């Protein structure tokens, strides 16, 4: 029996006993069209909230609503971490800053030209 046409038991698409077309294995995600549409950073719906669930009681400030690409997010995060003297990370399209620095972050974002609001209580 030829190896190319042997029965295959798989959960993926394709017929058994016939060769499948090769794919690159990577699925392409559609690009974020909204990032290119918003030109004025003051018009973004940026929210700064404090979270502590699932973090062992430690609080972080999460900034979401920034419609920036990953390079711009990392640059903005580096500026914030340097001025606050704390750690942080980019998680998806959100910025996480360690500690409760919501008021300071609000001032820093306004200084950078972004209009942000405090969310939560």
PDB file of N, CA and C in Angstrom:
ATOM      1  N   UNK A   1       0.845  -1.181   0.000  1.00  0.00           N
ATOM      2  CA  UNK A   1       0.000   0.000   0.000  1.00  0.00           C
ATOM      3  C   UNK A   1       0.890   1.244   0.000  1.00  0.00           C
ATOM      4  N   UNK A   2       0.519   2.239  -0.756  1.00  0.00           N
ATOM      5  CA  UNK A   2       1.276   3.474  -0.878  1.00  0.00           C
ATOM      6  C   UNK A   2       1.018   4.358   0.351  1.00  0.00           C
ATOM      7  N   UNK A   3       2.079   4.966   0.915  1.00  0.00           N
ATOM      8  CA  UNK A   3       1.938   5.814   2.109  1.00  0.00           C
ATOM      9  C   UNK A   3       1.113   7.063   1.840  1.00  0.00           C
ATOM     10  N   UNK A   4       1.088   7.484   0.617  1.00  0.00           N
ATOM     11  CA  UNK A   4       0.338   8.704   0.309  1.00  0.00           C
ATOM     12  C   UNK A   4      -1.164   8.509   0.398  1.00  0.00           C
ATOM     13  N   UNK A   5      -1.625   7.283   0.199  1.00  0.00           N
ATOM     14  CA  UNK A   5      -3.059   7.034   0.157  1.00  0.00           C
ATOM     15  C   UNK A   5      -3.519   6.087   1.256  1.00  0.00           C
ATOM     16  N   UNK A   6      -2.784   5.997   2.344  1.00  0.00           N
ATOM     17  CA  UNK A   6      -3.203   5.127   3.427  1.00  0.00           C
ATOM     18  C   UNK A   6      -4.345   5.780   4.202  1.00  0.00           C
ATOM     19  N   UNK A   7      -5.181   5.004   4.858  1.00  0.00           N
ATOM     20  CA  UNK A   7      -6.290   5.590   5.624  1.00  0.00           C
ATOM     21  C   UNK A   7      -5.757   6.455   6.771  1.00  0.00           C
ATOM     22  N   UNK A   8      -6.378   7.580   6.947  1.00  0.00           N
ATOM     23  CA  UNK A   8      -5.968   8.518   7.984  1.00  0.00           C
ATOM     24  C   UNK A   8      -7.147   8.724   8.922  1.00  0.00           C
ATOM     25  N   UNK A   9      -6.862   8.664  10.217  1.00  0.00           N
ATOM     26  CA  UNK A   9      -7.891   8.911  11.218  1.00  0.00           C
ATOM     27  C   UNK A   9      -7.559  10.222  11.905  1.00  0.00           C
ATOM     28  N   UNK A  10      -8.327  11.223  11.604  1.00  0.00           N
ATOM     29  CA  UNK A  10      -8.026  12.549  12.111  1.00  0.00           C
ATOM     30  C   UNK A  10      -9.311  13.289  12.410  1.00  0.00           C
ATOM     31  N   UNK A  11      -9.202  14.285  13.272  1.00  0.00           N
ATOM     32  CA  UNK A  11     -10.354  15.132  13.563  1.00  0.00           C
ATOM     33  C   UNK A  11     -10.363  16.373  12.692  1.00  0.00           C
ATOM     34  N   UNK A  12      -9.319  16.552  11.892  1.00  0.00           N
ATOM     35  CA  UNK A  12      -9.257  17.720  11.021  1.00  0.00           C
ATOM     36  C   UNK A  12     -10.064  17.477   9.753  1.00  0.00           C
ATOM     37  N   UNK A  13     -10.221  18.511   8.970  1.00  0.00           N
ATOM     38  CA  UNK A  13     -10.995  18.431   7.745  1.00  0.00           C
ATOM     39  C   UNK A  13     -10.279  17.569   6.720  1.00  0.00           C
ATOM     40  N   UNK A  14     -11.018  17.049   5.793  1.00  0.00           N
ATOM     41  CA  UNK A  14     -10.448  16.247   4.717  1.00  0.00           C
ATOM     42  C   UNK A  14     -11.082  14.876   4.673  1.00  0.00           C
ATOM     43  N   UNK A  15     -10.926  14.204   3.536  1.00  0.00           N
ATOM     44  CA  UNK A  15     -11.468  12.874   3.376  1.00  0.00           C
ATOM     45  C   UNK A  15     -10.407  11.851   3.759  1.00  0.00           C
ATOM     46  N   UNK A  16     -10.827  10.741   4.318  1.00  0.00           N
ATOM     47  CA  UNK A  16      -9.861   9.708   4.681  1.00  0.00           C
ATOM     48  C   UNK A  16      -9.406   8.977   3.429  1.00  0.00           C
ATOM     49  N   UNK A  17      -8.153   8.605   3.433  1.00  0.00           N
ATOM     50  CA  UNK A  17      -7.603   7.853   2.308  1.00  0.00           C
ATOM     51  C   UNK A  17      -7.116   8.723   1.171  1.00  0.00           C
ATOM     52  N   UNK A  18      -7.287  10.018   1.245  1.00  0.00           N
ATOM     53  CA  UNK A  18      -6.827  10.918   0.187  1.00  0.00           C
ATOM     54  C   UNK A  18      -5.911  11.970   0.787  1.00  0.00           C
ATOM     55  N   UNK A  19      -4.907  12.411   0.057  1.00  0.00           N
ATOM     56  CA  UNK A  19      -3.992  13.407   0.622  1.00  0.00           C
ATOM     57  C   UNK A  19      -4.671  14.755   0.805  1.00  0.00           C
ATOM     58  N   UNK A  20      -4.276  15.425   1.879  1.00  0.00           N
ATOM     59  CA  UNK A  20      -4.817  16.755   2.144  1.00  0.00           C
ATOM     60  C   UNK A  20      -3.887  17.808   1.572  1.00  0.00           C
ATOM     61  N   UNK A  21      -4.433  18.955   1.259  1.00  0.00           N
ATOM     62  CA  UNK A  21      -3.607  20.060   0.793  1.00  0.00           C
ATOM     63  C   UNK A  21      -2.800  20.588   1.959  1.00  0.00           C
ATOM     64  N   UNK A  22      -1.589  20.998   1.675  1.00  0.00           N
ATOM     65  CA  UNK A  22      -0.739  21.526   2.732  1.00  0.00           C
ATOM     66  C   UNK A  22      -1.104  22.979   2.993  1.00  0.00           C
ATOM     67  N   UNK A  23      -1.093  23.340   4.264  1.00  0.00           N
ATOM     68  CA  UNK A  23      -1.325  24.727   4.636  1.00  0.00           C
ATOM     69  C   UNK A  23      -0.156  25.188   5.484  1.00  0.00           C
ATOM     70  N   UNK A  24      -0.050  26.473   5.655  1.00  0.00           N
ATOM     71  CA  UNK A  24       1.067  27.025   6.422  1.00  0.00           C
ATOM     72  C   UNK A  24       0.913  26.765   7.914  1.00  0.00           C
ATOM     73  N   UNK A  25      -0.298  26.425   8.369  1.00  0.00           N
ATOM     74  CA  UNK A  25      -0.529  26.156   9.780  1.00  0.00           C
ATOM     75  C   UNK A  25      -0.916  27.394  10.566  1.00  0.00           C
ATOM     76  N   UNK A  26      -0.665  28.561  10.024  1.00  0.00           N
ATOM     77  CA  UNK A  26      -1.020  29.801  10.714  1.00  0.00           C
ATOM     78  C   UNK A  26      -2.322  30.329  10.145  1.00  0.00           C
ATOM     79  N   UNK A  27      -3.218  30.683  11.041  1.00  0.00           N
ATOM     80  CA  UNK A  27      -4.468  31.291  10.602  1.00  0.00           C
ATOM     81  C   UNK A  27      -4.312  32.795  10.681  1.00  0.00           C
ATOM     82  N   UNK A  28      -4.695  33.471   9.647  1.00  0.00           N
ATOM     83  CA  UNK A  28      -4.553  34.924   9.608  1.00  0.00           C
ATOM     84  C   UNK A  28      -5.755  35.567  10.267  1.00  0.00           C
ATOM     85  N   UNK A  29      -5.458  36.452  11.206  1.00  0.00           N
ATOM     86  CA  UNK A  29      -6.502  37.221  11.839  1.00  0.00           C
ATOM     87  C   UNK A  29      -6.712  38.492  11.035  1.00  0.00           C
ATOM     88  N   UNK A  30      -7.943  38.932  10.931  1.00  0.00           N
ATOM     89  CA  UNK A  30      -8.164  40.188  10.225  1.00  0.00           C
ATOM     90  C   UNK A  30      -7.519  41.339  10.980  1.00  0.00           C
ATOM     91  N   UNK A  31      -6.961  42.267  10.239  1.00  0.00           N
ATOM     92  CA  UNK A  31      -6.296  43.415  10.854  1.00  0.00           C
ATOM     93  C   UNK A  31      -7.330  44.293  11.541  1.00  0.00           C
ATOM     94  N   UNK A  32      -6.894  44.980  12.555  1.00  0.00           N
ATOM     95  CA  UNK A  32      -7.777  45.865  13.295  1.00  0.00           C
ATOM     96  C   UNK A  32      -8.007  47.131  12.466  1.00  0.00           C
ATOM     97  N   UNK A  33      -9.155  47.204  11.821  1.00  0.00           N
ATOM     98  CA  UNK A  33      -9.475  48.345  10.954  1.00  0.00           C
ATOM     99  C   UNK A  33      -9.730  49.595  11.772  1.00  0.00           C
ATOM    100  N   UNK A  34     -10.170  49.427  13.016  1.00  0.00           N
ATOM    101  CA  UNK A  34     -10.524  50.577  13.839  1.00  0.00           C
ATOM    102  C   UNK A  34      -9.289  51.398  14.195  1.00  0.00           C
ATOM    103  N   UNK A  35      -8.136  50.767  14.275  1.00  0.00           N
ATOM    104  CA  UNK A  35      -6.917  51.492  14.636  1.00  0.00           C
ATOM    105  C   UNK A  35      -6.554  52.517  13.568  1.00  0.00           C
ATOM    106  N   UNK A  36      -6.833  52.197  12.313  1.00  0.00           N
ATOM    107  CA  UNK A  36      -6.492  53.141  11.260  1.00  0.00           C
ATOM    108  C   UNK A  36      -7.579  54.204  11.067  1.00  0.00           C
ATOM    109  N   UNK A  37      -8.791  53.950  11.570  1.00  0.00           N
ATOM    110  CA  UNK A  37      -9.886  54.898  11.398  1.00  0.00           C
ATOM    111  C   UNK A  37      -9.753  56.062  12.373  1.00  0.00           C
ATOM    112  N   UNK A  38      -9.405  55.786  13.629  1.00  0.00           N
ATOM    113  CA  UNK A  38      -9.344  56.831  14.648  1.00  0.00           C
ATOM    114  C   UNK A  38      -8.053  57.611  14.477  1.00  0.00           C
ATOM    115  N   UNK A  39      -8.190  58.862  14.131  1.00  0.00           N
ATOM    116  CA  UNK A  39      -7.030  59.707  13.908  1.00  0.00           C
ATOM    117  C   UNK A  39      -6.760  60.622  15.094  1.00  0.00           C
ATOM    118  N   UNK A  40      -7.805  61.006  15.814  1.00  0.00           N
ATOM    119  CA  UNK A  40      -7.673  61.939  16.919  1.00  0.00           C
ATOM    120  C   UNK A  40      -7.642  61.157  18.237  1.00  0.00           C
ATOM    121  N   UNK A  41      -6.505  61.154  18.940  1.00  0.00           N
ATOM    122  CA  UNK A  41      -6.435  60.381  20.175  1.00  0.00           C
ATOM    123  C   UNK A  41      -7.338  60.905  21.277  1.00  0.00           C
ATOM    124  N   UNK A  42      -7.754  62.159  21.209  1.00  0.00           N
ATOM    125  CA  UNK A  42      -8.620  62.715  22.244  1.00  0.00           C
ATOM    126  C   UNK A  42     -10.044  62.183  22.132  1.00  0.00           C
ATOM    127  N   UNK A  43     -10.401  61.565  21.022  1.00  0.00           N
ATOM    128  CA  UNK A  43     -11.751  61.056  20.810  1.00  0.00           C
ATOM    129  C   UNK A  43     -11.904  59.584  21.190  1.00  0.00           C
ATOM    130  N   UNK A  44     -10.856  58.948  21.677  1.00  0.00           N
ATOM    131  CA  UNK A  44     -10.926  57.542  22.038  1.00  0.00           C
ATOM    132  C   UNK A  44     -11.628  57.377  23.378  1.00  0.00           C
ATOM    133  N   UNK A  45     -12.264  56.242  23.578  1.00  0.00           N
ATOM    134  CA  UNK A  45     -12.945  55.945  24.837  1.00  0.00           C
ATOM    135  C   UNK A  45     -12.012  55.204  25.778  1.00  0.00           C
ATOM    136  N   UNK A  46     -11.049  55.896  26.338  1.00  0.00           N
ATOM    137  CA  UNK A  46     -10.033  55.276  27.180  1.00  0.00           C
ATOM    138  C   UNK A  46     -10.531  55.243  28.620  1.00  0.00           C
ATOM    139  N   UNK A  47     -10.445  54.073  29.247  1.00  0.00           N
ATOM    140  CA  UNK A  47     -10.871  53.887  30.629  1.00  0.00           C
ATOM    141  C   UNK A  47      -9.701  53.364  31.461  1.00  0.00           C
ATOM    142  N   UNK A  48      -9.598  53.877  32.667  1.00  0.00           N
ATOM    143  CA  UNK A  48      -8.582  53.416  33.613  1.00  0.00           C
ATOM    144  C   UNK A  48      -9.326  52.799  34.787  1.00  0.00           C
ATOM    145  N   UNK A  49      -9.116  51.498  35.005  1.00  0.00           N
ATOM    146  CA  UNK A  49      -9.800  50.825  36.104  1.00  0.00           C
ATOM    147  C   UNK A  49      -8.792  50.057  36.958  1.00  0.00           C
ATOM    148  N   UNK A  50      -9.176  49.789  38.192  1.00  0.00           N
ATOM    149  CA  UNK A  50      -8.331  49.041  39.113  1.00  0.00           C
ATOM    150  C   UNK A  50      -8.902  47.646  39.259  1.00  0.00           C
ATOM    151  N   UNK A  51      -8.027  46.640  39.159  1.00  0.00           N
ATOM    152  CA  UNK A  51      -8.438  45.245  39.327  1.00  0.00           C
ATOM    153  C   UNK A  51      -7.550  44.581  40.362  1.00  0.00           C
ATOM    154  N   UNK A  52      -8.134  43.638  41.104  1.00  0.00           N
ATOM    155  CA  UNK A  52      -7.323  42.863  42.044  1.00  0.00           C
ATOM    156  C   UNK A  52      -7.733  41.398  42.068  1.00  0.00           C
ATOM    157  N   UNK A  53      -8.775  41.021  41.351  1.00  0.00           N
ATOM    158  CA  UNK A  53      -9.221  39.632  41.345  1.00  0.00           C
ATOM    159  C   UNK A  53      -8.238  38.760  40.575  1.00  0.00           C
ATOM    160  N   UNK A  54      -7.941  37.615  41.140  1.00  0.00           N
ATOM    161  CA  UNK A  54      -7.059  36.668  40.483  1.00  0.00           C
ATOM    162  C   UNK A  54      -5.601  37.062  40.516  1.00  0.00           C
ATOM    163  N   UNK A  55      -5.239  38.018  41.363  1.00  0.00           N
ATOM    164  CA  UNK A  55      -3.867  38.505  41.423  1.00  0.00           C
ATOM    165  C   UNK A  55      -3.296  38.402  42.839  1.00  0.00           C
ATOM    166  N   UNK A  56      -3.869  37.563  43.657  1.00  0.00           N
ATOM    167  CA  UNK A  56      -3.375  37.379  45.016  1.00  0.00           C
ATOM    168  C   UNK A  56      -3.549  38.601  45.886  1.00  0.00           C
ATOM    169  N   UNK A  57      -4.583  39.400  45.652  1.00  0.00           N
ATOM    170  CA  UNK A  57      -4.835  40.589  46.454  1.00  0.00           C
ATOM    171  C   UNK A  57      -4.092  41.828  46.000  1.00  0.00           C
ATOM    172  N   UNK A  58      -3.171  41.671  45.066  1.00  0.00           N
ATOM    173  CA  UNK A  58      -2.421  42.834  44.578  1.00  0.00           C
ATOM    174  C   UNK A  58      -3.254  43.549  43.514  1.00  0.00           C
ATOM    175  N   UNK A  59      -3.190  44.854  43.511  1.00  0.00           N
ATOM    176  CA  UNK A  59      -3.997  45.613  42.562  1.00  0.00           C
ATOM    177  C   UNK A  59      -3.153  46.073  41.381  1.00  0.00           C
ATOM    178  N   UNK A  60      -3.801  46.137  40.231  1.00  0.00           N
ATOM    179  CA  UNK A  60      -3.185  46.677  39.018  1.00  0.00           C
ATOM    180  C   UNK A  60      -4.169  47.658  38.399  1.00  0.00           C
ATOM    181  N   UNK A  61      -3.641  48.603  37.668  1.00  0.00           N
ATOM    182  CA  UNK A  61      -4.473  49.517  36.904  1.00  0.00           C
ATOM    183  C   UNK A  61      -4.489  49.030  35.462  1.00  0.00           C
ATOM    184  N   UNK A  62      -5.677  48.881  34.916  1.00  0.00           N
ATOM    185  CA  UNK A  62      -5.833  48.408  33.544  1.00  0.00           C
ATOM    186  C   UNK A  62      -6.341  49.569  32.708  1.00  0.00           C
ATOM    187  N   UNK A  63      -5.630  49.848  31.629  1.00  0.00           N
ATOM    188  CA  UNK A  63      -6.015  50.912  30.700  1.00  0.00           C
ATOM    189  C   UNK A  63      -6.478  50.240  29.424  1.00  0.00           C
ATOM    190  N   UNK A  64      -7.745  50.434  29.079  1.00  0.00           N
ATOM    191  CA  UNK A  64      -8.245  49.867  27.835  1.00  0.00           C
ATOM    192  C   UNK A  64      -8.901  50.953  27.003  1.00  0.00           C
ATOM    193  N   UNK A  65      -9.173  50.627  25.760  1.00  0.00           N
ATOM    194  CA  UNK A  65      -9.763  51.591  24.839  1.00  0.00           C
ATOM    195  C   UNK A  65      -8.735  52.324  24.010  1.00  0.00           C
ATOM    196  N   UNK A  66      -7.468  51.988  24.175  1.00  0.00           N
ATOM    197  CA  UNK A  66      -6.430  52.598  23.342  1.00  0.00           C
ATOM    198  C   UNK A  66      -6.403  51.879  22.007  1.00  0.00           C
ATOM    199  N   UNK A  67      -6.605  52.583  20.947  1.00  0.00           N
ATOM    200  CA  UNK A  67      -6.591  51.984  19.618  1.00  0.00           C
ATOM    201  C   UNK A  67      -5.238  52.263  18.975  1.00  0.00           C
ATOM    202  N   UNK A  68      -4.225  51.580  19.497  1.00  0.00           N
ATOM    203  CA  UNK A  68      -2.858  51.742  19.011  1.00  0.00           C
ATOM    204  C   UNK A  68      -2.313  50.382  18.625  1.00  0.00           C
ATOM    205  N   UNK A  69      -1.290  50.370  17.766  1.00  0.00           N
ATOM    206  CA  UNK A  69      -0.660  49.099  17.438  1.00  0.00           C
ATOM    207  C   UNK A  69       0.285  48.697  18.563  1.00  0.00           C
ATOM    208  N   UNK A  70       0.843  47.506  18.479  1.00  0.00           N
ATOM    209  CA  UNK A  70       1.614  46.966  19.605  1.00  0.00           C
ATOM    210  C   UNK A  70       2.879  47.771  19.881  1.00  0.00           C
ATOM    211  N   UNK A  71       3.508  48.326  18.847  1.00  0.00           N
ATOM    212  CA  UNK A  71       4.729  49.109  19.054  1.00  0.00           C
ATOM    213  C   UNK A  71       4.407  50.393  19.814  1.00  0.00           C
ATOM    214  N   UNK A  72       3.327  51.072  19.434  1.00  0.00           N
ATOM    215  CA  UNK A  72       2.935  52.300  20.121  1.00  0.00           C
ATOM    216  C   UNK A  72       2.492  52.020  21.557  1.00  0.00           C
ATOM    217  N   UNK A  73       1.818  50.870  21.778  1.00  0.00           N
ATOM    218  CA  UNK A  73       1.420  50.503  23.136  1.00  0.00           C
ATOM    219  C   UNK A  73       2.643  50.282  24.020  1.00  0.00           C
ATOM    220  N   UNK A  74       3.646  49.595  23.492  1.00  0.00           N
ATOM    221  CA  UNK A  74       4.860  49.331  24.268  1.00  0.00           C
ATOM    222  C   UNK A  74       5.607  50.623  24.578  1.00  0.00           C
ATOM    223  N   UNK A  75       5.634  51.559  23.629  1.00  0.00           N
ATOM    224  CA  UNK A  75       6.300  52.837  23.850  1.00  0.00           C
ATOM    225  C   UNK A  75       5.584  53.634  24.942  1.00  0.00           C
ATOM    226  N   UNK A  76       4.267  53.680  24.871  1.00  0.00           N
ATOM    227  CA  UNK A  76       3.479  54.394  25.878  1.00  0.00           C
ATOM    228  C   UNK A  76       3.646  53.737  27.248  1.00  0.00           C
ATOM    229  N   UNK A  77       3.653  52.413  27.296  1.00  0.00           N
ATOM    230  CA  UNK A  77       3.834  51.704  28.556  1.00  0.00           C
ATOM    231  C   UNK A  77       5.200  51.995  29.160  1.00  0.00           C
ATOM    232  N   UNK A  78       6.217  52.052  28.346  1.00  0.00           N
ATOM    233  CA  UNK A  78       7.565  52.334  28.849  1.00  0.00           C
ATOM    234  C   UNK A  78       7.633  53.724  29.474  1.00  0.00           C
ATOM    235  N   UNK A  79       6.978  54.714  28.844  1.00  0.00           N
ATOM    236  CA  UNK A  79       6.948  56.066  29.410  1.00  0.00           C
ATOM    237  C   UNK A  79       6.240  56.076  30.762  1.00  0.00           C
ATOM    238  N   UNK A  80       5.118  55.365  30.838  1.00  0.00           N
ATOM    239  CA  UNK A  80       4.352  55.339  32.085  1.00  0.00           C
ATOM    240  C   UNK A  80       5.114  54.640  33.199  1.00  0.00           C
ATOM    241  N   UNK A  81       5.719  53.505  32.891  1.00  0.00           N
ATOM    242  CA  UNK A  81       6.470  52.767  33.908  1.00  0.00           C
ATOM    243  C   UNK A  81       7.655  53.580  34.408  1.00  0.00           C
ATOM    244  N   UNK A  82       8.301  54.304  33.510  1.00  0.00           N
ATOM    245  CA  UNK A  82       9.443  55.123  33.908  1.00  0.00           C
ATOM    246  C   UNK A  82       9.058  56.281  34.797  1.00  0.00           C
ATOM    247  N   UNK A  83       7.936  56.913  34.502  1.00  0.00           N
ATOM    248  CA  UNK A  83       7.536  58.065  35.304  1.00  0.00           C
ATOM    249  C   UNK A  83       6.918  57.652  36.642  1.00  0.00           C
ATOM    250  N   UNK A  84       6.313  56.457  36.704  1.00  0.00           N
ATOM    251  CA  UNK A  84       5.695  56.002  37.947  1.00  0.00           C
ATOM    252  C   UNK A  84       6.638  55.155  38.799  1.00  0.00           C
ATOM    253  N   UNK A  85       7.666  54.610  38.190  1.00  0.00           N
ATOM    254  CA  UNK A  85       8.594  53.753  38.924  1.00  0.00           C
ATOM    255  C   UNK A  85       7.983  52.430  39.323  1.00  0.00           C
ATOM    256  N   UNK A  86       7.226  51.826  38.427  1.00  0.00           N
ATOM    257  CA  UNK A  86       6.580  50.553  38.721  1.00  0.00           C
ATOM    258  C   UNK A  86       6.659  49.659  37.495  1.00  0.00           C
ATOM    259  N   UNK A  87       6.151  48.437  37.616  1.00  0.00           N
ATOM    260  CA  UNK A  87       6.153  47.491  36.512  1.00  0.00           C
ATOM    261  C   UNK A  87       4.849  47.528  35.760  1.00  0.00           C
ATOM    262  N   UNK A  88       4.828  46.843  34.658  1.00  0.00           N
ATOM    263  CA  UNK A  88       3.617  46.774  33.859  1.00  0.00           C
ATOM    264  C   UNK A  88       3.803  45.858  32.682  1.00  0.00           C
ATOM    265  N   UNK A  89       2.704  45.625  31.943  1.00  0.00           N
ATOM    266  CA  UNK A  89       2.744  44.725  30.796  1.00  0.00           C
ATOM    267  C   UNK A  89       1.651  45.106  29.812  1.00  0.00           C
ATOM    268  N   UNK A  90       1.852  44.672  28.564  1.00  0.00           N
ATOM    269  CA  UNK A  90       0.831  44.807  27.534  1.00  0.00           C
ATOM    270  C   UNK A  90       0.137  43.458  27.434  1.00  0.00           C
ATOM    271  N   UNK A  91      -1.164  43.421  27.660  1.00  0.00           N
ATOM    272  CA  UNK A  91      -1.957  42.195  27.547  1.00  0.00           C
ATOM    273  C   UNK A  91      -3.020  42.416  26.483  1.00  0.00           C
ATOM    274  N   UNK A  92      -2.782  41.895  25.302  1.00  0.00           N
ATOM    275  CA  UNK A  92      -3.720  42.098  24.202  1.00  0.00           C
ATOM    276  C   UNK A  92      -3.686  43.548  23.769  1.00  0.00           C
ATOM    277  N   UNK A  93      -4.802  44.229  23.889  1.00  0.00           N
ATOM    278  CA  UNK A  93      -4.862  45.656  23.556  1.00  0.00           C
ATOM    279  C   UNK A  93      -5.020  46.504  24.812  1.00  0.00           C
ATOM    280  N   UNK A  94      -4.689  45.939  25.970  1.00  0.00           N
ATOM    281  CA  UNK A  94      -4.778  46.660  27.234  1.00  0.00           C
ATOM    282  C   UNK A  94      -3.395  46.822  27.850  1.00  0.00           C
ATOM    283  N   UNK A  95      -3.248  47.874  28.639  1.00  0.00           N
ATOM    284  CA  UNK A  95      -2.026  48.091  29.404  1.00  0.00           C
ATOM    285  C   UNK A  95      -2.316  47.786  30.865  1.00  0.00           C
ATOM    286  N   UNK A  96      -1.419  47.060  31.513  1.00  0.00           N
ATOM    287  CA  UNK A  96      -1.554  46.778  32.939  1.00  0.00           C
ATOM    288  C   UNK A  96      -0.374  47.409  33.663  1.00  0.00           C
ATOM    289  N   UNK A  97      -0.677  48.261  34.629  1.00  0.00           N
ATOM    290  CA  UNK A  97       0.333  48.925  35.444  1.00  0.00           C
ATOM    291  C   UNK A  97       0.187  48.409  36.876  1.00  0.00           C
ATOM    292  N   UNK A  98       1.292  47.979  37.485  1.00  0.00           N
ATOM    293  CA  UNK A  98       1.236  47.431  38.832  1.00  0.00           C
ATOM    294  C   UNK A  98       0.997  48.543  39.851  1.00  0.00           C
ATOM    295  N   UNK A  99       0.078  48.291  40.774  1.00  0.00           N
ATOM    296  CA  UNK A  99      -0.240  49.259  41.820  1.00  0.00           C
ATOM    297  C   UNK A  99      -1.452  50.103  41.465  1.00  0.00           C
ATOM    298  N   UNK A 100      -1.884  50.890  42.432  1.00  0.00           N
ATOM    299  CA  UNK A 100      -3.045  51.766  42.228  1.00  0.00           C
ATOM    300  C   UNK A 100      -2.541  53.180  41.935  1.00  0.00           C
ATOM    301  N   UNK A 101      -2.394  53.494  40.657  1.00  0.00           N
ATOM    302  CA  UNK A 101      -1.890  54.799  40.216  1.00  0.00           C
ATOM    303  C   UNK A 101      -2.896  55.471  39.277  1.00  0.00           C
ATOM    304  N   UNK A 102      -4.187  55.297  39.522  1.00  0.00           N
ATOM    305  CA  UNK A 102      -5.179  55.770  38.562  1.00  0.00           C
ATOM    306  C   UNK A 102      -5.123  57.272  38.329  1.00  0.00           C
ATOM    307  N   UNK A 103      -5.017  58.068  39.382  1.00  0.00           N
ATOM    308  CA  UNK A 103      -5.002  59.525  39.210  1.00  0.00           C
ATOM    309  C   UNK A 103      -3.752  59.978  38.463  1.00  0.00           C
ATOM    310  N   UNK A 104      -2.609  59.379  38.808  1.00  0.00           N
ATOM    311  CA  UNK A 104      -1.361  59.726  38.127  1.00  0.00           C
ATOM    312  C   UNK A 104      -1.405  59.311  36.663  1.00  0.00           C
ATOM    313  N   UNK A 105      -1.995  58.145  36.392  1.00  0.00           N
ATOM    314  CA  UNK A 105      -2.112  57.692  35.006  1.00  0.00           C
ATOM    315  C   UNK A 105      -3.021  58.610  34.192  1.00  0.00           C
ATOM    316  N   UNK A 106      -4.075  59.087  34.828  1.00  0.00           N
ATOM    317  CA  UNK A 106      -4.976  60.026  34.162  1.00  0.00           C
ATOM    318  C   UNK A 106      -4.225  61.287  33.746  1.00  0.00           C
ATOM    319  N   UNK A 107      -3.398  61.814  34.644  1.00  0.00           N
ATOM    320  CA  UNK A 107      -2.609  63.006  34.322  1.00  0.00           C
ATOM    321  C   UNK A 107      -1.574  62.723  33.228  1.00  0.00           C
ATOM    322  N   UNK A 108      -0.937  61.557  33.297  1.00  0.00           N
ATOM    323  CA  UNK A 108       0.054  61.205  32.278  1.00  0.00           C
ATOM    324  C   UNK A 108      -0.565  61.054  30.893  1.00  0.00           C
ATOM    325  N   UNK A 109      -1.748  60.426  30.843  1.00  0.00           N
ATOM    326  CA  UNK A 109      -2.420  60.268  29.552  1.00  0.00           C
ATOM    327  C   UNK A 109      -2.870  61.607  28.989  1.00  0.00           C
ATOM    328  N   UNK A 110      -3.349  62.496  29.861  1.00  0.00           N
ATOM    329  CA  UNK A 110      -3.743  63.825  29.391  1.00  0.00           C
ATOM    330  C   UNK A 110      -2.537  64.605  28.892  1.00  0.00           C
ATOM    331  N   UNK A 111      -1.400  64.419  29.532  1.00  0.00           N
ATOM    332  CA  UNK A 111      -0.166  65.072  29.098  1.00  0.00           C
ATOM    333  C   UNK A 111       0.270  64.567  27.720  1.00  0.00           C
ATOM    334  N   UNK A 112       0.000  63.285  27.437  1.00  0.00           N
ATOM    335  CA  UNK A 112       0.336  62.696  26.137  1.00  0.00           C
ATOM    336  C   UNK A 112      -0.692  63.057  25.057  1.00  0.00           C
ATOM    337  N   UNK A 113      -1.824  63.632  25.451  1.00  0.00           N
ATOM    338  CA  UNK A 113      -2.816  64.058  24.488  1.00  0.00           C
ATOM    339  C   UNK A 113      -4.009  63.134  24.375  1.00  0.00           C
ATOM    340  N   UNK A 114      -4.156  62.196  25.307  1.00  0.00           N
ATOM    341  CA  UNK A 114      -5.279  61.265  25.311  1.00  0.00           C
ATOM    342  C   UNK A 114      -6.296  61.709  26.341  1.00  0.00           C
ATOM    343  N   UNK A 115      -7.582  61.614  25.996  1.00  0.00           N
ATOM    344  CA  UNK A 115      -8.640  61.965  26.931  1.00  0.00           C
ATOM    345  C   UNK A 115      -9.133  60.658  27.559  1.00  0.00           C
ATOM    346  N   UNK A 116      -8.902  60.502  28.861  1.00  0.00           N
ATOM    347  CA  UNK A 116      -9.255  59.267  29.554  1.00  0.00           C
ATOM    348  C   UNK A 116     -10.200  59.555  30.704  1.00  0.00           C
ATOM    349  N   UNK A 117     -10.864  58.494  31.171  1.00  0.00           N
ATOM    350  CA  UNK A 117     -11.771  58.592  32.304  1.00  0.00           C
ATOM    351  C   UNK A 117     -11.445  57.485  33.280  1.00  0.00           C
ATOM    352  N   UNK A 118     -11.731  57.748  34.568  1.00  0.00           N
ATOM    353  CA  UNK A 118     -11.594  56.735  35.589  1.00  0.00           C
ATOM    354  C   UNK A 118     -12.856  55.875  35.599  1.00  0.00           C
ATOM    355  N   UNK A 119     -12.676  54.572  35.636  1.00  0.00           N
ATOM    356  CA  UNK A 119     -13.817  53.648  35.660  1.00  0.00           C
ATOM    357  C   UNK A 119     -13.828  52.917  36.989  1.00  0.00           C
ATOM    358  N   UNK A 120     -14.993  52.561  37.429  1.00  0.00           N
ATOM    359  CA  UNK A 120     -15.117  51.841  38.699  1.00  0.00           C
ATOM    360  C   UNK A 120     -15.191  52.790  39.870  1.00  0.00           C
ATOM    361  N   UNK A 121     -15.155  52.239  41.066  1.00  0.00           N
ATOM    362  CA  UNK A 121     -15.338  53.062  42.250  1.00  0.00           C
ATOM    363  C   UNK A 121     -14.150  53.318  43.051  1.00  0.00           C
TER     364      UNK A 121
END
